[in-house]
Amino acid sequence: MDQIIHQAQTVKAKQKTALIALALIFLWLAGGLAGCACLSGRKQVESAEELAEKGMESFEEEDYSDALKAFNTLKERYPYSRYAILAELKVADAHFYRKEYPEAIGAYEDFVQLHPKNEAIPYVKYQIGVCYYEQMLSKDRDQTPTRLAVLSFERLLKEHADSAYANEATKKINDCRKLLAEHELYVGRFYYKAKHYSAALGRFEGVLTGYMDVLPSSTQRELEKLIIACRAKLSDQIADEADDNN
């Protein structure tokens, strides 16, 4: 009887050991499978080169929104990559083509500050001027963008006179100066009609000394007549004031 009981206990022990072993194997497999599922479900991180290629493909397809996403991700994730400079430049370009000119200007200016010796600098400075140029308003509106465009193009001509962008910059400066002349004439005429002859004369004389070379001959003749008229009106006002004092 004792032998039978002993054999029964030995069988139970072996069964228990086998169950424990099976349980351990199951847990190991479950953990392994879970680990595999986790790895397969995890999104693969794109490399700097992959992001650069993705950004350029989007850019060439004129999908500037996706290009911005790719290049901004590249900048943030791989700031020291050899593709980072490309990303910085193309972020600015993407903003430009999306007509987000203030953002483009900021990105271009950052590029100039960070990479002053880079071969793309003449292009970048030209683009800054173009951003302001594209924001110019009609002659009856504020001309701050026009003046900033002139300053930007003049900086390019001063610092990179032999660049491939010099001729276009010169043409755009002339366009800007014509608009500034028309604006000053517009304001001068407004003052003249309002009988503020001193203010009108200041505007007209400013055009005469600063923008005569960009005005058509017909406008030059009109300007000369307006200056003569302003001076005459001012003389009459001075005479009237003298009579009143007497």
Protein backbone atom coordinates (compact mmCIF):
# COMPACT_ATOMS: atom_id res chain seq x y z
CA MET A 1 0.00 0.00 0.00
CA ASP A 2 2.76 2.43 0.93
CA GLN A 3 4.45 1.74 -2.39
CA ILE A 4 1.26 2.51 -4.28
CA ILE A 5 0.79 5.78 -2.37
CA HIS A 6 4.41 6.71 -3.08
CA GLN A 7 3.98 6.00 -6.79
CA ALA A 8 0.81 8.10 -6.86
CA GLN A 9 2.57 11.03 -5.17
CA THR A 10 5.47 10.76 -7.65
CA VAL A 11 3.07 10.89 -10.60
CA LYS A 12 1.29 13.96 -9.16
CA ALA A 13 4.63 15.69 -8.62
CA LYS A 14 5.69 15.01 -12.18
CA GLN A 15 2.32 16.25 -13.47
CA LYS A 16 2.66 19.43 -11.37
CA THR A 17 6.19 20.01 -12.68
CA ALA A 18 5.00 19.50 -16.24
CA LEU A 19 2.12 21.94 -15.76
CA ILE A 20 4.49 24.54 -14.32
CA ALA A 21 6.84 24.05 -17.26
CA LEU A 22 3.97 24.41 -19.73
CA ALA A 23 2.79 27.56 -17.95
CA LEU A 24 6.27 29.05 -18.12
CA ILE A 25 6.58 28.21 -21.81
CA PHE A 26 3.16 29.79 -22.47
CA LEU A 27 4.11 32.96 -20.60
CA TRP A 28 7.39 33.17 -22.49
CA LEU A 29 5.66 32.71 -25.83
CA ALA A 30 2.95 35.21 -24.93
CA GLY A 31 5.56 37.75 -23.91
CA GLY A 32 7.55 37.10 -27.05
CA LEU A 33 4.51 37.43 -29.24
CA ALA A 34 3.49 40.58 -27.44
CA GLY A 35 6.97 41.93 -27.96
CA CYS A 36 6.79 41.09 -31.66
CA ALA A 37 3.40 42.72 -31.94
CA CYS A 38 4.73 45.81 -30.22
CA LEU A 39 7.68 46.02 -32.58
CA SER A 40 5.60 45.41 -35.66
CA GLY A 41 3.03 47.99 -34.54
CA ARG A 42 5.62 50.64 -33.73
CA LYS A 43 5.96 53.34 -36.42
CA GLN A 44 9.38 53.26 -38.01
CA VAL A 45 11.29 56.51 -37.45
CA GLU A 46 12.28 58.09 -40.73
CA SER A 47 15.93 58.96 -41.21
CA ALA A 48 17.18 62.44 -42.07
CA GLU A 49 17.80 61.36 -45.65
CA GLU A 50 14.30 59.89 -45.96
CA LEU A 51 12.73 63.09 -44.61
CA ALA A 52 14.82 65.18 -47.01
CA GLU A 53 13.71 63.05 -49.97
CA LYS A 54 10.11 63.18 -48.82
CA GLY A 55 10.25 66.96 -48.43
CA MET A 56 11.82 67.48 -51.86
CA GLU A 57 9.28 65.21 -53.54
CA SER A 58 6.43 67.18 -51.96
CA PHE A 59 8.09 70.45 -52.89
CA GLU A 60 8.51 69.45 -56.53
CA GLU A 61 4.86 68.40 -56.61
CA GLU A 62 3.98 71.87 -55.22
CA ASP A 63 2.56 70.28 -52.09
CA TYR A 64 4.17 72.90 -49.88
CA SER A 65 2.18 71.95 -46.79
CA ASP A 66 3.59 68.41 -46.74
CA ALA A 67 7.01 69.77 -47.65
CA LEU A 68 6.89 72.02 -44.59
CA LYS A 69 5.95 69.10 -42.36
CA ALA A 70 8.81 66.95 -43.63
CA PHE A 71 11.45 69.69 -43.44
CA ASN A 72 10.33 70.94 -40.03
CA THR A 73 10.44 67.38 -38.70
CA LEU A 74 13.94 66.98 -40.14
CA LYS A 75 15.08 70.20 -38.46
CA GLU A 76 13.65 69.20 -35.08
CA ARG A 77 14.72 65.55 -35.15
CA TYR A 78 18.13 65.87 -36.81
CA PRO A 79 19.44 69.42 -36.13
CA TYR A 80 23.06 68.37 -36.74
CA SER A 81 22.41 66.33 -39.86
CA ARG A 82 24.02 67.33 -43.15
CA TYR A 83 20.44 67.71 -44.44
CA ALA A 84 19.52 70.28 -41.77
CA ILE A 85 20.75 73.26 -43.82
CA LEU A 86 18.67 72.10 -46.78
CA ALA A 87 15.65 71.81 -44.49
CA GLU A 88 16.15 75.35 -43.15
CA LEU A 89 16.25 76.79 -46.66
CA LYS A 90 13.32 74.79 -47.99
CA VAL A 91 11.15 75.72 -45.00
CA ALA A 92 11.62 79.36 -46.02
CA ASP A 93 10.91 78.54 -49.67
CA ALA A 94 7.78 76.59 -48.79
CA HIS A 95 6.44 79.53 -46.77
CA PHE A 96 7.24 81.80 -49.71
CA TYR A 97 5.31 79.70 -52.22
CA ARG A 98 2.41 79.48 -49.77
CA LYS A 99 2.46 83.32 -49.79
CA GLU A 100 3.19 83.32 -46.08
CA TYR A 101 5.63 86.17 -46.52
CA PRO A 102 6.26 87.21 -42.88
CA GLU A 103 7.06 83.58 -42.01
CA ALA A 104 9.28 83.27 -45.09
CA ILE A 105 11.16 86.46 -44.20
CA GLY A 106 11.77 85.18 -40.67
CA ALA A 107 13.07 81.85 -41.97
CA TYR A 108 15.31 83.49 -44.59
CA GLU A 109 16.72 85.94 -42.04
CA ASP A 110 17.45 83.06 -39.66
CA PHE A 111 19.32 81.32 -42.47
CA VAL A 112 21.46 84.43 -43.06
CA GLN A 113 22.28 84.64 -39.35
CA LEU A 114 23.13 80.96 -39.02
CA HIS A 115 24.98 80.46 -42.31
CA PRO A 116 26.46 83.83 -43.41
CA LYS A 117 29.10 82.15 -45.62
CA ASN A 118 26.77 79.71 -47.36
CA GLU A 119 26.72 79.86 -51.16
CA ALA A 120 22.93 80.31 -51.12
CA ILE A 121 23.14 83.65 -49.27
CA PRO A 122 22.72 85.88 -52.39
CA TYR A 123 19.57 83.94 -53.29
CA VAL A 124 18.28 84.16 -49.71
CA LYS A 125 18.80 87.95 -49.54
CA TYR A 126 17.11 88.36 -52.90
CA GLN A 127 14.16 86.31 -51.68
CA ILE A 128 13.79 88.53 -48.62
CA GLY A 129 13.41 91.51 -50.95
CA VAL A 130 10.90 89.63 -53.08
CA CYS A 131 8.83 88.81 -49.99
CA TYR A 132 8.48 92.52 -49.26
CA TYR A 133 7.96 93.25 -52.96
CA GLU A 134 5.03 90.83 -53.10
CA GLN A 135 3.38 92.64 -50.19
CA MET A 136 3.43 96.09 -51.81
CA LEU A 137 0.13 97.95 -51.85
CA SER A 138 -1.43 100.56 -54.15
CA LYS A 139 -0.21 104.18 -54.11
CA ASP A 140 -2.95 105.28 -51.70
CA ARG A 141 -1.91 102.74 -49.05
CA ASP A 142 0.94 102.36 -46.55
CA GLN A 143 4.26 101.92 -48.36
CA THR A 144 6.28 100.27 -45.58
CA PRO A 145 6.68 96.98 -47.55
CA THR A 146 7.87 98.99 -50.57
CA ARG A 147 10.55 100.77 -48.57
CA LEU A 148 11.67 97.52 -46.93
CA ALA A 149 11.89 95.89 -50.36
CA VAL A 150 14.19 98.69 -51.55
CA LEU A 151 16.39 98.31 -48.47
CA SER A 152 16.60 94.53 -48.96
CA PHE A 153 17.50 94.74 -52.64
CA GLU A 154 20.04 97.49 -51.94
CA ARG A 155 21.65 95.26 -49.31
CA LEU A 156 21.95 92.52 -51.90
CA LEU A 157 23.54 94.88 -54.44
CA LYS A 158 25.95 96.26 -51.87
CA GLU A 159 27.08 92.89 -50.51
CA HIS A 160 26.76 90.72 -53.63
CA ALA A 161 26.99 93.08 -56.60
CA ASP A 162 28.11 90.33 -58.98
CA SER A 163 25.44 87.80 -58.04
CA ALA A 164 23.01 86.32 -60.55
CA TYR A 165 20.20 88.23 -58.83
CA ALA A 166 21.66 91.72 -59.18
CA ASN A 167 19.86 92.63 -62.43
CA GLU A 168 16.46 91.54 -61.17
CA ALA A 169 17.04 93.35 -57.89
CA THR A 170 17.85 96.56 -59.81
CA LYS A 171 14.65 96.27 -61.87
CA LYS A 172 12.57 95.71 -58.76
CA ILE A 173 14.16 98.72 -57.04
CA ASN A 174 13.02 100.88 -59.98
CA ASP A 175 9.50 99.46 -59.67
CA CYS A 176 9.52 100.27 -55.96
CA ARG A 177 10.78 103.81 -56.50
CA LYS A 178 8.07 104.47 -59.10
CA LEU A 179 5.43 103.37 -56.62
CA LEU A 180 6.96 105.51 -53.87
CA ALA A 181 6.97 108.52 -56.20
CA GLU A 182 3.31 107.94 -57.08
CA HIS A 183 2.48 107.64 -53.38
CA GLU A 184 4.21 110.92 -52.54
CA LEU A 185 2.39 112.65 -55.41
CA TYR A 186 -0.91 111.20 -54.23
CA VAL A 187 -0.36 112.50 -50.69
CA GLY A 188 0.85 115.86 -52.01
CA ARG A 189 -2.26 116.30 -54.15
CA PHE A 190 -4.41 115.42 -51.13
CA TYR A 191 -2.72 118.15 -49.05
CA TYR A 192 -3.01 120.62 -51.92
CA LYS A 193 -6.77 120.05 -52.25
CA ALA A 194 -7.11 120.41 -48.47
CA LYS A 195 -5.22 123.76 -48.74
CA HIS A 196 -2.31 122.49 -46.64
CA TYR A 197 0.13 124.06 -49.07
CA SER A 198 3.24 123.81 -46.93
CA ALA A 199 2.78 120.03 -46.45
CA ALA A 200 1.96 119.61 -50.15
CA LEU A 201 5.06 121.55 -51.21
CA GLY A 202 7.26 119.36 -49.00
CA ARG A 203 5.90 116.23 -50.70
CA PHE A 204 6.26 117.65 -54.20
CA GLU A 205 9.81 118.86 -53.62
CA GLY A 206 10.71 115.47 -52.15
CA VAL A 207 9.55 113.79 -55.35
CA LEU A 208 11.48 116.33 -57.42
CA THR A 209 14.76 115.62 -55.63
CA GLY A 210 14.34 111.90 -54.98
CA TYR A 211 12.35 110.34 -57.81
CA MET A 212 12.61 112.56 -60.88
CA ASP A 213 14.49 109.87 -62.83
CA VAL A 214 11.60 107.38 -62.64
CA LEU A 215 8.78 109.80 -63.55
CA PRO A 216 7.42 110.13 -67.10
CA SER A 217 7.84 113.57 -68.69
CA SER A 218 4.12 114.35 -68.39
CA THR A 219 4.21 113.78 -64.62
CA GLN A 220 7.36 115.87 -64.34
CA ARG A 221 5.61 118.80 -66.00
CA GLU A 222 2.60 118.41 -63.72
CA LEU A 223 4.89 118.29 -60.69
CA GLU A 224 6.66 121.51 -61.68
CA LYS A 225 3.29 123.27 -62.08
CA LEU A 226 2.13 122.01 -58.69
CA ILE A 227 5.29 123.28 -57.01
CA ILE A 228 4.82 126.72 -58.59
CA ALA A 229 1.16 126.73 -57.51
CA CYS A 230 2.04 125.77 -53.93
CA ARG A 231 4.62 128.52 -53.65
CA ALA A 232 2.15 131.05 -55.01
CA LYS A 233 -0.53 129.95 -52.53
CA LEU A 234 1.96 130.16 -49.66
CA SER A 235 2.98 133.67 -50.74
CA ASP A 236 -0.67 134.71 -50.81
CA GLN A 237 -1.17 133.26 -47.32
CA ILE A 238 1.84 135.19 -46.00
CA ALA A 239 0.55 138.40 -47.60
CA ASP A 240 -2.92 137.86 -46.13
CA GLU A 241 -1.46 137.26 -42.67
CA ALA A 242 0.61 140.48 -42.96
CA ASP A 243 -2.50 142.45 -43.91
CA ASP A 244 -4.40 141.01 -40.97
CA ASN A 245 -1.63 142.02 -38.58
CA ASN A 246 -1.73 145.56 -39.92
